[in-house]
Amino acid sequence: MIPKDPVMLLSFVNMKLRDYYRDLDDCCEALQIDRAQLVEQLAAIGYSYDGEANQFR
């Protein structure tokens, strides 16, 4: 289950990216998450995806 709270979602996704997936597309596909919606949710709290670091910052 994916957290609904944006801060918990940030922590969850960054952990998954760090530990399991090579990039955001791979993560979203594996977890069946809509990439655009995820990016929008995290942008609402001031975070954007950094492909080089493979995390939201």
C-alpha atoms as a PDB file:
ATOM      1  CA  MET A   1       0.000   0.000   0.000  1.00  0.00           C
ATOM      2  CA  ILE A   2       1.291   3.417  -0.964  1.00  0.00           C
ATOM      3  CA  PRO A   3       1.032   6.215   1.638  1.00  0.00           C
ATOM      4  CA  LYS A   4      -1.490   8.972   0.952  1.00  0.00           C
ATOM      5  CA  ASP A   5       0.180  11.576   3.176  1.00  0.00           C
ATOM      6  CA  PRO A   6       2.583  13.529   0.915  1.00  0.00           C
ATOM      7  CA  VAL A   7       5.494  13.526   3.387  1.00  0.00           C
ATOM      8  CA  MET A   8       5.153   9.793   4.005  1.00  0.00           C
ATOM      9  CA  LEU A   9       4.843   9.279   0.248  1.00  0.00           C
ATOM     10  CA  LEU A  10       8.101  11.180  -0.271  1.00  0.00           C
ATOM     11  CA  SER A  11       9.911   8.991   2.239  1.00  0.00           C
ATOM     12  CA  PHE A  12       8.399   5.798   0.798  1.00  0.00           C
ATOM     13  CA  VAL A  13       9.259   6.620  -2.821  1.00  0.00           C
ATOM     14  CA  ASN A  14      12.796   7.789  -2.049  1.00  0.00           C
ATOM     15  CA  MET A  15      13.441   4.592  -0.091  1.00  0.00           C
ATOM     16  CA  LYS A  16      12.158   2.476  -2.980  1.00  0.00           C
ATOM     17  CA  LEU A  17      14.265   4.445  -5.466  1.00  0.00           C
ATOM     18  CA  ARG A  18      17.363   4.126  -3.305  1.00  0.00           C
ATOM     19  CA  ASP A  19      16.996   0.433  -2.495  1.00  0.00           C
ATOM     20  CA  TYR A  20      15.237  -1.187  -5.446  1.00  0.00           C
ATOM     21  CA  TYR A  21      14.866   0.805  -8.665  1.00  0.00           C
ATOM     22  CA  ARG A  22      17.255   2.334 -11.180  1.00  0.00           C
ATOM     23  CA  ASP A  23      14.957   5.259 -12.018  1.00  0.00           C
ATOM     24  CA  LEU A  24      11.523   6.755 -11.468  1.00  0.00           C
ATOM     25  CA  ASP A  25       9.976   5.085 -14.513  1.00  0.00           C
ATOM     26  CA  ASP A  26      11.114   1.654 -13.322  1.00  0.00           C
ATOM     27  CA  CYS A  27       9.736   2.353  -9.839  1.00  0.00           C
ATOM     28  CA  CYS A  28       6.367   3.601 -11.078  1.00  0.00           C
ATOM     29  CA  GLU A  29       5.956   0.663 -13.420  1.00  0.00           C
ATOM     30  CA  ALA A  30       6.794  -1.906 -10.734  1.00  0.00           C
ATOM     31  CA  LEU A  31       4.554  -0.281  -8.106  1.00  0.00           C
ATOM     32  CA  GLN A  32       1.802   0.528 -10.626  1.00  0.00           C
ATOM     33  CA  ILE A  33       1.920   4.236  -9.770  1.00  0.00           C
ATOM     34  CA  ASP A  34       0.936   6.960 -12.228  1.00  0.00           C
ATOM     35  CA  ARG A  35       4.193   8.881 -12.711  1.00  0.00           C
ATOM     36  CA  ALA A  36       2.558  12.225 -13.531  1.00  0.00           C
ATOM     37  CA  GLN A  37       0.293  12.044 -10.490  1.00  0.00           C
ATOM     38  CA  LEU A  38       3.217  11.140  -8.223  1.00  0.00           C
ATOM     39  CA  VAL A  39       5.341  14.005  -9.539  1.00  0.00           C
ATOM     40  CA  GLU A  40       2.397  16.383  -9.066  1.00  0.00           C
ATOM     41  CA  GLN A  41       1.739  15.222  -5.484  1.00  0.00           C
ATOM     42  CA  LEU A  42       5.364  15.701  -4.482  1.00  0.00           C
ATOM     43  CA  ALA A  43       5.657  19.019  -6.337  1.00  0.00           C
ATOM     44  CA  ALA A  44       2.798  20.260  -4.158  1.00  0.00           C
ATOM     45  CA  ILE A  45       5.100  19.968  -1.127  1.00  0.00           C
ATOM     46  CA  GLY A  46       8.106  21.441  -2.928  1.00  0.00           C
ATOM     47  CA  TYR A  47       9.927  18.356  -4.248  1.00  0.00           C
ATOM     48  CA  SER A  48      10.964  17.409  -7.762  1.00  0.00           C
ATOM     49  CA  TYR A  49      12.653  14.322  -9.140  1.00  0.00           C
ATOM     50  CA  ASP A  50      16.427  14.511  -9.637  1.00  0.00           C
ATOM     51  CA  GLY A  51      17.343  11.824 -12.168  1.00  0.00           C
ATOM     52  CA  GLU A  52      21.064  12.008 -11.442  1.00  0.00           C
ATOM     53  CA  ALA A  53      20.550  11.371  -7.734  1.00  0.00           C
ATOM     54  CA  ASN A  54      17.531   9.107  -8.396  1.00  0.00           C
ATOM     55  CA  GLN A  55      15.508  10.752  -5.662  1.00  0.00           C
ATOM     56  CA  PHE A  56      13.044  13.532  -4.991  1.00  0.00           C
ATOM     57  CA  ARG A  57      14.707  16.648  -3.593  1.00  0.00           C
END
